[in-house]
Every structure is written in C-alpha cells, then in structure tokens.
C-alpha atoms as a PDB file:
ATOM      1  CA  MET A   1     -30.139 -48.676   3.606  1.00  0.00           C
ATOM      2  CA  GLY A   2     -27.797 -47.265   6.205  1.00  0.00           C
ATOM      3  CA  ILE A   3     -27.692 -47.919   9.942  1.00  0.00           C
ATOM      4  CA  TYR A   4     -26.685 -45.680  12.799  1.00  0.00           C
ATOM      5  CA  ASP A   5     -26.848 -45.805  16.583  1.00  0.00           C
ATOM      6  CA  ARG A   6     -29.463 -43.292  17.715  1.00  0.00           C
ATOM      7  CA  ASP A   7     -28.385 -43.476  21.374  1.00  0.00           C
ATOM      8  CA  TYR A   8     -24.701 -43.059  20.609  1.00  0.00           C
ATOM      9  CA  TYR A   9     -24.516 -39.312  21.229  1.00  0.00           C
ATOM     10  CA  ARG A  10     -27.181 -39.189  23.926  1.00  0.00           C
ATOM     11  CA  GLU A  11     -25.172 -41.118  26.475  1.00  0.00           C
ATOM     12  CA  PRO A  12     -21.530 -40.005  26.406  1.00  0.00           C
ATOM     13  CA  SER A  13     -20.948 -41.946  29.619  1.00  0.00           C
ATOM     14  CA  ARG A  14     -21.465 -45.301  27.858  1.00  0.00           C
ATOM     15  CA  SER A  15     -18.355 -47.445  27.700  1.00  0.00           C
ATOM     16  CA  PHE A  16     -18.163 -47.280  23.908  1.00  0.00           C
ATOM     17  CA  SER A  17     -18.343 -43.491  23.456  1.00  0.00           C
ATOM     18  CA  VAL A  18     -15.696 -41.987  21.193  1.00  0.00           C
ATOM     19  CA  ARG A  19     -13.176 -39.755  22.935  1.00  0.00           C
ATOM     20  CA  ALA A  20     -10.163 -39.798  20.641  1.00  0.00           C
ATOM     21  CA  PRO A  21     -10.026 -37.027  18.018  1.00  0.00           C
ATOM     22  CA  GLN A  22      -9.196 -39.522  15.294  1.00  0.00           C
ATOM     23  CA  THR A  23      -9.641 -43.268  14.931  1.00  0.00           C
ATOM     24  CA  ILE A  24      -8.633 -45.993  12.505  1.00  0.00           C
ATOM     25  CA  VAL A  25     -12.199 -45.908  11.196  1.00  0.00           C
ATOM     26  CA  VAL A  26     -11.866 -42.224  10.312  1.00  0.00           C
ATOM     27  CA  THR A  27      -8.569 -42.944   8.567  1.00  0.00           C
ATOM     28  CA  ILE A  28     -10.145 -45.757   6.527  1.00  0.00           C
ATOM     29  CA  ILE A  29     -13.045 -43.498   5.547  1.00  0.00           C
ATOM     30  CA  LEU A  30     -10.704 -40.701   4.476  1.00  0.00           C
ATOM     31  CA  ILE A  31      -8.674 -43.067   2.275  1.00  0.00           C
ATOM     32  CA  ASN A  32     -11.833 -44.361   0.601  1.00  0.00           C
ATOM     33  CA  VAL A  33     -13.260 -40.885   0.007  1.00  0.00           C
ATOM     34  CA  VAL A  34      -9.988 -39.484  -1.331  1.00  0.00           C
ATOM     35  CA  LEU A  35      -9.546 -42.367  -3.779  1.00  0.00           C
ATOM     36  CA  TRP A  36     -13.170 -42.140  -4.928  1.00  0.00           C
ATOM     37  CA  ALA A  37     -12.921 -38.371  -5.446  1.00  0.00           C
ATOM     38  CA  ALA A  38      -9.557 -38.664  -7.227  1.00  0.00           C
ATOM     39  CA  ASN A  39     -10.979 -41.293  -9.535  1.00  0.00           C
ATOM     40  CA  GLY A  40     -13.896 -39.057 -10.469  1.00  0.00           C
ATOM     41  CA  LEU A  41     -11.794 -35.924 -10.913  1.00  0.00           C
ATOM     42  CA  LEU A  42      -8.633 -37.277 -12.514  1.00  0.00           C
ATOM     43  CA  THR A  43      -9.920 -40.235 -14.532  1.00  0.00           C
ATOM     44  CA  PRO A  44     -13.683 -39.722 -14.957  1.00  0.00           C
ATOM     45  CA  ASP A  45     -13.877 -41.600 -18.268  1.00  0.00           C
ATOM     46  CA  SER A  46     -11.410 -44.460 -17.882  1.00  0.00           C
ATOM     47  CA  ARG A  47     -11.929 -44.987 -14.121  1.00  0.00           C
ATOM     48  CA  ALA A  48      -8.239 -45.899 -14.113  1.00  0.00           C
ATOM     49  CA  ILE A  49      -7.780 -45.702 -10.337  1.00  0.00           C
ATOM     50  CA  THR A  50     -10.729 -47.990  -9.630  1.00  0.00           C
ATOM     51  CA  ASN A  51      -9.605 -50.445 -12.298  1.00  0.00           C
ATOM     52  CA  ALA A  52      -6.094 -50.518 -10.846  1.00  0.00           C
ATOM     53  CA  LEU A  53      -7.395 -51.310  -7.352  1.00  0.00           C
ATOM     54  CA  ALA A  54     -10.061 -53.838  -8.408  1.00  0.00           C
ATOM     55  CA  VAL A  55      -9.464 -57.582  -8.120  1.00  0.00           C
ATOM     56  CA  SER A  56     -10.533 -60.301 -10.561  1.00  0.00           C
ATOM     57  CA  GLU A  57     -10.474 -64.087 -10.353  1.00  0.00           C
ATOM     58  CA  ASP A  58      -7.390 -64.426 -12.580  1.00  0.00           C
ATOM     59  CA  VAL A  59      -5.338 -62.710  -9.832  1.00  0.00           C
ATOM     60  CA  LEU A  60      -5.314 -66.106  -8.110  1.00  0.00           C
ATOM     61  CA  TRP A  61      -2.662 -67.232 -10.620  1.00  0.00           C
ATOM     62  CA  LYS A  62      -0.706 -63.955 -10.533  1.00  0.00           C
ATOM     63  CA  PRO A  63       1.113 -63.678  -7.196  1.00  0.00           C
ATOM     64  CA  TRP A  64       2.597 -60.324  -8.153  1.00  0.00           C
ATOM     65  CA  LEU A  65      -0.956 -58.914  -8.100  1.00  0.00           C
ATOM     66  CA  TRP A  66      -2.109 -60.413  -4.803  1.00  0.00           C
ATOM     67  CA  TRP A  67      -2.090 -56.957  -3.248  1.00  0.00           C
ATOM     68  CA  LYS A  68      -5.359 -56.424  -5.117  1.00  0.00           C
ATOM     69  CA  PHE A  69      -7.061 -58.799  -2.664  1.00  0.00           C
ATOM     70  CA  LEU A  70      -6.901 -55.851  -0.244  1.00  0.00           C
ATOM     71  CA  THR A  71      -6.978 -52.753  -2.440  1.00  0.00           C
ATOM     72  CA  TYR A  72     -10.346 -53.610  -4.004  1.00  0.00           C
ATOM     73  CA  GLY A  73     -11.889 -52.684  -0.647  1.00  0.00           C
ATOM     74  CA  PHE A  74     -10.782 -49.070  -1.103  1.00  0.00           C
ATOM     75  CA  ALA A  75     -12.400 -48.664  -4.546  1.00  0.00           C
ATOM     76  CA  HIS A  76     -16.091 -47.964  -5.124  1.00  0.00           C
ATOM     77  CA  ALA A  77     -18.514 -47.591  -7.991  1.00  0.00           C
ATOM     78  CA  LYS A  78     -19.062 -44.284  -9.748  1.00  0.00           C
ATOM     79  CA  SER A  79     -22.428 -43.767  -8.070  1.00  0.00           C
ATOM     80  CA  PRO A  80     -21.982 -41.893  -4.748  1.00  0.00           C
ATOM     81  CA  MET A  81     -24.594 -44.112  -3.066  1.00  0.00           C
ATOM     82  CA  HIS A  82     -22.194 -47.078  -3.038  1.00  0.00           C
ATOM     83  CA  ILE A  83     -19.489 -45.364  -1.010  1.00  0.00           C
ATOM     84  CA  LEU A  84     -21.990 -43.261   0.975  1.00  0.00           C
ATOM     85  CA  PHE A  85     -23.842 -46.172   2.576  1.00  0.00           C
ATOM     86  CA  ASN A  86     -20.649 -48.116   3.239  1.00  0.00           C
ATOM     87  CA  MET A  87     -18.901 -45.212   4.922  1.00  0.00           C
ATOM     88  CA  LEU A  88     -21.976 -44.148   6.930  1.00  0.00           C
ATOM     89  CA  GLN A  89     -22.301 -47.592   8.485  1.00  0.00           C
ATOM     90  CA  LEU A  90     -18.574 -47.695   9.148  1.00  0.00           C
ATOM     91  CA  PHE A  91     -18.657 -44.234  10.709  1.00  0.00           C
ATOM     92  CA  PHE A  92     -21.585 -44.785  13.079  1.00  0.00           C
ATOM     93  CA  LEU A  93     -20.917 -48.381  14.132  1.00  0.00           C
ATOM     94  CA  GLY A  94     -17.264 -48.959  13.265  1.00  0.00           C
ATOM     95  CA  ARG A  95     -15.915 -46.500  15.809  1.00  0.00           C
ATOM     96  CA  ILE A  96     -17.820 -48.267  18.590  1.00  0.00           C
ATOM     97  CA  VAL A  97     -16.471 -51.647  17.481  1.00  0.00           C
ATOM     98  CA  GLU A  98     -12.990 -50.147  17.315  1.00  0.00           C
ATOM     99  CA  GLN A  99     -13.218 -49.099  20.953  1.00  0.00           C
ATOM    100  CA  VAL A 100     -14.261 -52.607  21.916  1.00  0.00           C
ATOM    101  CA  TYR A 101     -11.247 -54.272  20.280  1.00  0.00           C
ATOM    102  CA  GLY A 102      -8.676 -51.471  20.086  1.00  0.00           C
ATOM    103  CA  ARG A 103      -7.205 -49.593  17.131  1.00  0.00           C
ATOM    104  CA  GLY A 104      -4.639 -52.176  16.074  1.00  0.00           C
ATOM    105  CA  GLU A 105      -6.925 -55.189  16.418  1.00  0.00           C
ATOM    106  CA  PHE A 106      -9.759 -53.451  14.582  1.00  0.00           C
ATOM    107  CA  LEU A 107      -7.475 -52.711  11.653  1.00  0.00           C
ATOM    108  CA  ARG A 108      -6.283 -56.320  11.566  1.00  0.00           C
ATOM    109  CA  VAL A 109      -9.862 -57.619  11.631  1.00  0.00           C
ATOM    110  CA  TYR A 110     -11.037 -55.165   8.960  1.00  0.00           C
ATOM    111  CA  LEU A 111      -8.205 -55.987   6.551  1.00  0.00           C
ATOM    112  CA  THR A 112      -8.609 -59.710   7.199  1.00  0.00           C
ATOM    113  CA  MET A 113     -12.299 -59.522   6.309  1.00  0.00           C
ATOM    114  CA  LEU A 114     -11.376 -57.729   3.070  1.00  0.00           C
ATOM    115  CA  LEU A 115      -8.782 -60.391   2.300  1.00  0.00           C
ATOM    116  CA  VAL A 116     -10.926 -63.422   3.131  1.00  0.00           C
ATOM    117  CA  GLY A 117     -13.910 -62.018   1.234  1.00  0.00           C
ATOM    118  CA  SER A 118     -11.991 -61.410  -1.987  1.00  0.00           C
ATOM    119  CA  VAL A 119     -10.073 -64.706  -1.899  1.00  0.00           C
ATOM    120  CA  VAL A 120     -13.260 -66.736  -1.351  1.00  0.00           C
ATOM    121  CA  TRP A 121     -14.982 -64.750  -4.118  1.00  0.00           C
ATOM    122  CA  ALA A 122     -12.106 -65.363  -6.550  1.00  0.00           C
ATOM    123  CA  ILE A 123     -12.020 -69.097  -5.812  1.00  0.00           C
ATOM    124  CA  THR A 124     -15.780 -69.562  -6.123  1.00  0.00           C
ATOM    125  CA  SER A 125     -15.856 -67.484  -9.319  1.00  0.00           C
ATOM    126  CA  ALA A 126     -13.108 -69.606 -10.858  1.00  0.00           C
ATOM    127  CA  VAL A 127     -14.846 -72.849  -9.891  1.00  0.00           C
ATOM    128  CA  PHE A 128     -18.526 -72.135 -10.502  1.00  0.00           C
ATOM    129  CA  LEU A 129     -18.805 -69.342 -13.075  1.00  0.00           C
ATOM    130  CA  GLU A 130     -18.652 -70.204 -16.748  1.00  0.00           C
ATOM    131  CA  PRO A 131     -15.798 -68.391 -18.531  1.00  0.00           C
ATOM    132  CA  GLN A 132     -16.758 -65.449 -20.733  1.00  0.00           C
ATOM    133  CA  TYR A 133     -14.932 -64.401 -23.877  1.00  0.00           C
ATOM    134  CA  VAL A 134     -14.750 -61.394 -26.149  1.00  0.00           C
ATOM    135  CA  VAL A 135     -13.378 -61.236 -29.684  1.00  0.00           C
ATOM    136  CA  GLN A 136     -10.855 -58.506 -30.439  1.00  0.00           C
ATOM    137  CA  ASN A 137      -9.129 -58.297 -33.811  1.00  0.00           C
ATOM    138  CA  GLY A 138     -10.218 -61.839 -34.550  1.00  0.00           C
ATOM    139  CA  VAL A 139      -8.736 -63.163 -31.304  1.00  0.00           C
ATOM    140  CA  GLN A 140     -10.895 -64.692 -28.584  1.00  0.00           C
ATOM    141  CA  LEU A 141      -9.872 -63.273 -25.199  1.00  0.00           C
ATOM    142  CA  PRO A 142     -11.184 -64.261 -21.737  1.00  0.00           C
ATOM    143  CA  VAL A 143     -13.127 -61.687 -19.730  1.00  0.00           C
ATOM    144  CA  PHE A 144     -12.986 -61.871 -15.942  1.00  0.00           C
ATOM    145  CA  PRO A 145     -15.487 -60.146 -13.628  1.00  0.00           C
ATOM    146  CA  SER A 146     -13.945 -57.685 -11.188  1.00  0.00           C
ATOM    147  CA  LEU A 147     -14.700 -56.944  -7.554  1.00  0.00           C
ATOM    148  CA  ILE A 148     -14.690 -53.550  -5.805  1.00  0.00           C
ATOM    149  CA  GLY A 149     -16.132 -52.123  -2.608  1.00  0.00           C
ATOM    150  CA  ALA A 150     -15.757 -52.419   1.158  1.00  0.00           C
ATOM    151  CA  SER A 151     -19.229 -53.874   1.728  1.00  0.00           C
ATOM    152  CA  GLY A 152     -18.015 -57.295   2.899  1.00  0.00           C
ATOM    153  CA  ALA A 153     -15.772 -55.863   5.608  1.00  0.00           C
ATOM    154  CA  VAL A 154     -18.284 -53.147   6.540  1.00  0.00           C
ATOM    155  CA  LEU A 155     -21.068 -55.692   7.030  1.00  0.00           C
ATOM    156  CA  GLY A 156     -18.642 -57.762   9.089  1.00  0.00           C
ATOM    157  CA  VAL A 157     -18.146 -54.723  11.317  1.00  0.00           C
ATOM    158  CA  VAL A 158     -21.927 -54.297  11.584  1.00  0.00           C
ATOM    159  CA  ILE A 159     -22.281 -57.925  12.687  1.00  0.00           C
ATOM    160  CA  LEU A 160     -19.558 -57.434  15.310  1.00  0.00           C
ATOM    161  CA  PHE A 161     -21.536 -54.492  16.660  1.00  0.00           C
ATOM    162  CA  VAL A 162     -24.719 -56.577  16.692  1.00  0.00           C
ATOM    163  CA  LEU A 163     -22.998 -59.434  18.536  1.00  0.00           C
ATOM    164  CA  ASN A 164     -21.499 -57.111  21.143  1.00  0.00           C
ATOM    165  CA  PHE A 165     -24.618 -54.957  21.621  1.00  0.00           C
ATOM    166  CA  PRO A 166     -27.625 -57.050  20.490  1.00  0.00           C
ATOM    167  CA  GLN A 167     -30.167 -54.984  22.464  1.00  0.00           C
ATOM    168  CA  GLN A 168     -28.846 -51.601  21.357  1.00  0.00           C
ATOM    169  CA  THR A 169     -31.415 -49.500  19.477  1.00  0.00           C
ATOM    170  CA  LEU A 170     -30.399 -48.596  15.917  1.00  0.00           C
ATOM    171  CA  THR A 171     -32.119 -46.351  13.412  1.00  0.00           C
ATOM    172  CA  LEU A 172     -32.441 -47.196   9.741  1.00  0.00           C
ATOM    173  CA  PHE A 173     -31.346 -44.543   7.257  1.00  0.00           C
ATOM    174  CA  PRO A 174     -32.942 -42.613   5.577  1.00  0.00           C
ATOM    175  CA  ILE A 175     -36.213 -43.768   7.215  1.00  0.00           C
ATOM    176  CA  PRO A 176     -35.937 -43.037  10.972  1.00  0.00           C
ATOM    177  CA  ILE A 177     -37.280 -46.359  12.248  1.00  0.00           C
ATOM    178  CA  PRO A 178     -35.841 -47.561  15.601  1.00  0.00           C
ATOM    179  CA  VAL A 179     -34.904 -51.254  15.508  1.00  0.00           C
ATOM    180  CA  LYS A 180     -32.995 -53.529  17.872  1.00  0.00           C
ATOM    181  CA  ALA A 181     -29.503 -54.410  16.688  1.00  0.00           C
ATOM    182  CA  TRP A 182     -30.152 -58.167  16.634  1.00  0.00           C
ATOM    183  CA  VAL A 183     -33.095 -57.644  14.260  1.00  0.00           C
ATOM    184  CA  ILE A 184     -30.785 -55.784  11.869  1.00  0.00           C
ATOM    185  CA  GLY A 185     -28.271 -58.626  12.051  1.00  0.00           C
ATOM    186  CA  VAL A 186     -30.873 -61.282  11.229  1.00  0.00           C
ATOM    187  CA  ALA A 187     -32.303 -59.169   8.394  1.00  0.00           C
ATOM    188  CA  LEU A 188     -28.852 -58.663   6.834  1.00  0.00           C
ATOM    189  CA  VAL A 189     -28.108 -62.393   6.881  1.00  0.00           C
ATOM    190  CA  VAL A 190     -31.495 -63.327   5.395  1.00  0.00           C
ATOM    191  CA  PHE A 191     -31.329 -60.635   2.707  1.00  0.00           C
ATOM    192  CA  ASN A 192     -27.857 -61.642   1.568  1.00  0.00           C
ATOM    193  CA  LEU A 193     -28.677 -65.349   1.606  1.00  0.00           C
ATOM    194  CA  ALA A 194     -31.651 -64.580  -0.626  1.00  0.00           C
ATOM    195  CA  GLY A 195     -29.490 -62.463  -2.902  1.00  0.00           C
ATOM    196  CA  ALA A 196     -26.868 -65.177  -3.203  1.00  0.00           C
ATOM    197  CA  SER A 197     -29.374 -67.793  -4.389  1.00  0.00           C
ATOM    198  CA  ASP A 198     -29.732 -68.408  -8.123  1.00  0.00           C
ATOM    199  CA  GLN A 199     -33.493 -67.950  -8.006  1.00  0.00           C
ATOM    200  CA  SER A 200     -33.310 -64.669  -6.115  1.00  0.00           C
ATOM    201  CA  PRO A 201     -34.911 -61.608  -7.730  1.00  0.00           C
ATOM    202  CA  TYR A 202     -32.086 -59.542  -6.251  1.00  0.00           C
ATOM    203  CA  ALA A 203     -29.439 -61.146  -8.488  1.00  0.00           C
ATOM    204  CA  GLY A 204     -27.306 -58.532 -10.185  1.00  0.00           C
ATOM    205  CA  ASN A 205     -23.937 -56.861  -9.727  1.00  0.00           C
ATOM    206  CA  THR A 206     -23.916 -57.156  -5.928  1.00  0.00           C
ATOM    207  CA  ALA A 207     -21.360 -59.621  -4.509  1.00  0.00           C
ATOM    208  CA  TYR A 208     -23.615 -61.213  -1.901  1.00  0.00           C
ATOM    209  CA  GLY A 209     -21.091 -63.992  -1.358  1.00  0.00           C
ATOM    210  CA  VAL A 210     -18.499 -61.436  -0.239  1.00  0.00           C
ATOM    211  CA  HIS A 211     -21.044 -59.943   2.169  1.00  0.00           C
ATOM    212  CA  LEU A 212     -21.795 -63.360   3.646  1.00  0.00           C
ATOM    213  CA  THR A 213     -18.090 -64.172   3.947  1.00  0.00           C
ATOM    214  CA  GLY A 214     -17.437 -60.977   5.907  1.00  0.00           C
ATOM    215  CA  MET A 215     -20.373 -61.620   8.223  1.00  0.00           C
ATOM    216  CA  ALA A 216     -19.378 -65.263   8.716  1.00  0.00           C
ATOM    217  CA  PHE A 217     -15.830 -64.283   9.647  1.00  0.00           C
ATOM    218  CA  ALA A 218     -17.178 -61.715  12.108  1.00  0.00           C
ATOM    219  CA  PHE A 219     -19.347 -64.385  13.745  1.00  0.00           C
ATOM    220  CA  LEU A 220     -16.438 -66.840  14.035  1.00  0.00           C
ATOM    221  CA  TYR A 221     -14.152 -64.097  15.361  1.00  0.00           C
ATOM    222  CA  PHE A 222     -16.656 -63.163  18.075  1.00  0.00           C
ATOM    223  CA  HIS A 223     -17.749 -66.716  18.930  1.00  0.00           C
ATOM    224  CA  ASN A 224     -14.186 -68.086  19.231  1.00  0.00           C
ATOM    225  CA  ARG A 225     -12.875 -64.965  21.019  1.00  0.00           C
ATOM    226  CA  TRP A 226     -10.025 -64.601  18.555  1.00  0.00           C
ATOM    227  CA  ASN A 227      -7.338 -61.941  18.830  1.00  0.00           C
ATOM    228  CA  LEU A 228      -5.478 -61.655  15.542  1.00  0.00           C
ATOM    229  CA  GLY A 229      -2.571 -59.844  17.173  1.00  0.00           C
ATOM    230  CA  ARG A 230      -1.932 -62.774  19.502  1.00  0.00           C
ATOM    231  CA  LEU A 231      -2.776 -65.457  16.919  1.00  0.00           C
ATOM    232  CA  GLY A 232      -0.367 -63.974  14.417  1.00  0.00           C
ATOM    233  CA  GLY A 233       2.490 -63.527  16.877  1.00  0.00           C
ATOM    234  CA  PRO A 234       5.007 -60.653  16.832  1.00  0.00           C
ATOM    235  CA  LEU A 235       5.005 -60.463  13.008  1.00  0.00           C
ATOM    236  CA  PHE A 236       1.256 -59.788  12.733  1.00  0.00           C
ATOM    237  CA  SER A 237       1.094 -57.593  15.833  1.00  0.00           C
ATOM    238  CA  GLY A 238       3.753 -55.236  14.495  1.00  0.00           C
ATOM    239  CA  GLU A 239       6.101 -55.608  17.475  1.00  0.00           C
ATOM    240  CA  TRP A 240       9.002 -56.397  15.114  1.00  0.00           C
ATOM    241  CA  LEU A 241       8.792 -52.831  13.771  1.00  0.00           C
ATOM    242  CA  LYS A 242       9.644 -51.320  17.141  1.00  0.00           C
ATOM    243  CA  ARG A 243      13.215 -50.372  17.937  1.00  0.00           C
ATOM    244  CA  ARG A 244      15.038 -52.328  20.606  1.00  0.00           C
ATOM    245  CA  PRO A 245      16.086 -50.314  23.662  1.00  0.00           C
ATOM    246  CA  LYS A 246      19.693 -49.208  23.774  1.00  0.00           C
ATOM    247  CA  LEU A 247      22.065 -49.988  26.669  1.00  0.00           C
ATOM    248  CA  ARG A 248      22.216 -47.287  29.317  1.00  0.00           C
ATOM    249  CA  ILE A 249      23.712 -46.581  32.759  1.00  0.00           C
ATOM    250  CA  HIS A 250      21.660 -47.893  35.674  1.00  0.00           C
ATOM    251  CA  ASP A 251      20.003 -44.986  37.487  1.00  0.00           C
ATOM    252  CA  PRO A 252      17.230 -46.114  39.938  1.00  0.00           C
ATOM    253  CA  GLU A 253      15.633 -42.673  40.279  1.00  0.00           C
ATOM    254  CA  GLN A 254      15.570 -42.078  36.534  1.00  0.00           C
ATOM    255  CA  GLU A 255      14.210 -45.564  35.878  1.00  0.00           C
ATOM    256  CA  THR A 256      11.446 -45.025  38.448  1.00  0.00           C
ATOM    257  CA  ALA A 257      10.432 -41.755  36.783  1.00  0.00           C
ATOM    258  CA  GLU A 258      10.472 -43.345  33.318  1.00  0.00           C
ATOM    259  CA  LEU A 259       8.454 -46.311  34.574  1.00  0.00           C
ATOM    260  CA  SER A 260       5.850 -43.984  36.057  1.00  0.00           C
ATOM    261  CA  LYS A 261       5.650 -42.047  32.798  1.00  0.00           C
ATOM    262  CA  GLU A 262       5.273 -45.267  30.803  1.00  0.00           C
ATOM    263  CA  VAL A 263       2.536 -46.531  33.146  1.00  0.00           C
ATOM    264  CA  ASP A 264       0.625 -43.273  32.640  1.00  0.00           C
ATOM    265  CA  ARG A 265       0.885 -43.703  28.881  1.00  0.00           C
ATOM    266  CA  ILE A 266      -0.326 -47.321  29.029  1.00  0.00           C
ATOM    267  CA  LEU A 267      -3.273 -46.419  31.271  1.00  0.00           C
ATOM    268  CA  GLU A 268      -4.266 -43.689  28.838  1.00  0.00           C
ATOM    269  CA  LYS A 269      -4.050 -46.214  25.995  1.00  0.00           C
ATOM    270  CA  ILE A 270      -6.336 -48.601  27.894  1.00  0.00           C
ATOM    271  CA  HIS A 271      -8.799 -45.754  28.450  1.00  0.00           C
ATOM    272  CA  GLN A 272      -8.894 -44.854  24.750  1.00  0.00           C
ATOM    273  CA  GLN A 273      -8.411 -48.202  22.986  1.00  0.00           C
ATOM    274  CA  GLY A 274      -9.263 -50.947  25.463  1.00  0.00           C
ATOM    275  CA  GLU A 275      -7.134 -53.493  27.304  1.00  0.00           C
ATOM    276  CA  ASP A 276      -6.945 -55.825  24.284  1.00  0.00           C
ATOM    277  CA  SER A 277      -4.873 -53.219  22.429  1.00  0.00           C
ATOM    278  CA  LEU A 278      -1.903 -53.707  24.801  1.00  0.00           C
ATOM    279  CA  THR A 279       1.225 -55.451  23.553  1.00  0.00           C
ATOM    280  CA  ARG A 280       3.039 -58.099  25.577  1.00  0.00           C
ATOM    281  CA  LYS A 281       5.714 -55.582  26.509  1.00  0.00           C
ATOM    282  CA  GLU A 282       3.129 -53.124  27.825  1.00  0.00           C
ATOM    283  CA  ARG A 283       1.461 -55.846  29.895  1.00  0.00           C
ATOM    284  CA  ARG A 284       4.833 -56.770  31.406  1.00  0.00           C
ATOM    285  CA  THR A 285       5.444 -53.118  32.211  1.00  0.00           C
ATOM    286  CA  LEU A 286       2.190 -52.934  34.178  1.00  0.00           C
ATOM    287  CA  GLU A 287       3.055 -56.137  36.033  1.00  0.00           C
ATOM    288  CA  ASN A 288       6.525 -54.810  36.938  1.00  0.00           C
ATOM    289  CA  ALA A 289       5.063 -51.509  38.092  1.00  0.00           C
ATOM    290  CA  SER A 290       2.542 -53.361  40.273  1.00  0.00           C
ATOM    291  CA  ARG A 291       5.314 -55.398  41.925  1.00  0.00           C
ATOM    292  CA  GLU A 292       7.393 -52.277  42.557  1.00  0.00           C
ATOM    293  CA  TYR A 293       4.387 -50.577  44.157  1.00  0.00           C
ATOM    294  CA  GLN A 294       3.747 -53.558  46.444  1.00  0.00           C
ATOM    295  CA  LYS A 295       7.417 -53.611  47.510  1.00  0.00           C
ATOM    296  CA  ARG A 296       7.283 -49.944  48.450  1.00  0.00           C
ATOM    297  CA  ARG A 297       4.116 -50.455  50.504  1.00  0.00           C
ATOM    298  CA  GLN A 298       5.701 -53.374  52.349  1.00  0.00           C
ATOM    299  CA  GLY A 299       8.863 -51.342  52.933  1.00  0.00           C
END
C-alpha cells in the first residue's frame, strides 16, 4: 500500500514544497528504475544484475564484497509492484524530507539506513537462522538467503516525514482514504512488528527486520537531532573532495564582488536545500559577509 501527501500540490507556499527541477530523491528513483529495467531486458532469465547487487549473510566474512551492503538497496524483485510501491513512497514523501534536511544530508541518511539495515539483517541471519544446504554432484554446499530492495530505507524516510509532520494528511494508495501521518507511522510499526514475529501469519519473503531497522534508525536520528555530515567530520561531509583555493593578488574590489556573488549562491542554496545543507566554509562566508556589512554601516 502506497502513501502520498494529498495536500502537497495544493499549497505551494508551504515550507516543504519542491522548487528544484531535480532532487537526490529523483536521482535515486532513476537509478533504481534503470537497473530494474536493465535486469528485465538484458538478463530476464538469470536475473544477473539483481543477483550481482544482492547481499547475503556470508558477505560478513568477505570484506571485498562489503559494497553489497549498499547495492542491494538498488535491486528489486521481478514483480513491478515491489519497485513501484517503494519508489512511489520515496517520490511523494522523500522529496519533502529532503528539503527538511538538505540534499547532502538526505543522501547520507538514506545510504546509512540501507547500510545499517543490511548489516543487522546479515548478523541476525548468521546468528539465528539454521544453515541450509543443497547437494550438487554429491557435494553438500551451503545456501545463504539473499536480500534485495530499498524498503528499509524508504520506510525510514516515511517515518522521518511522520516525525516532522505528524498532523499532515496523507492518502493511502490505491484506496483514496485520508489519514493523519502519525496514524500511518503507528500502523507501519505495528504491522512490521507482527510480521517479524515467528507466529505471524505474514511470515514469508519480506524482510520485516530490515524495515524495523530503518524505522528505528529514523527515530533515533530525529530524536537525537543527528547530522551525519557534522558527526562524520570532513571525510563524511565530502569537504575533502573540494579543491583548495589558489594564491592570488589582493584586490579589495574584486574580493568584495566575489564575496557578494558567493553570498548570493549560499542564500539560494539555503532557499532550495535548507540551512542544514551548508558546509562549515559556507557558514564562515556568511559570518564574514555579515561583519563586512556592519563595518560599512558604521563607516
């Protein structure tokens, strides 16, 4: 069952309306759709692309395959309903959450939820699930369950929306029933807790534990007011990728013009992505510009 914000397009003046032509959410959706389509068109029988991206519990002991703890979130089942519901929820609610936290922080949170969900799943599978074996050519070989799908991270994004806008009216899809966001959040937690229990009638191929892990991380992230860019330092924030400024001749007029241009760019970034998306350097630039403005007024 999908979820979308029925008031999202009615009130473009709301603080979380989408103005940018493209967002990180749209990029994530495009990657998922392209990989799903390529898998169906290029390898319809072997599902080679999905199998290459999927993660299994034995990856825990294979560091050279740890990249799978992220790539599984960009692979989906053959049925279009799996990717459809995930991407619809991400499209309608993810863009709003992205504007709350900024493009860079949203991407960090989304990838972290994918990572945490798969690692917890692999550890719990290794500890609690009984090993399965298959006999091939007289040799008994272990069989490990695999994990695919972005559901854990997507549900984490839904919970972040619920926590930020608990009274916002949402509409269930495909049945157009208006429901408060907090009701959806409670229902998702209860449903997945029931699915994760051994006695649940919903037991099957759904990784309810991954869903719960994503939602739990979202709750901790919101409750503790984390910022992964600041927690991770320059390495996690991506500042180390930026080029250092070259030495140049001191020209006050040119520097004033460049500062003004940079301030305009930063203000536009705040308008589109939120204040939390600013780097330390950009914050210092605004502080310097404010001091220069005050000096001129005093002069």
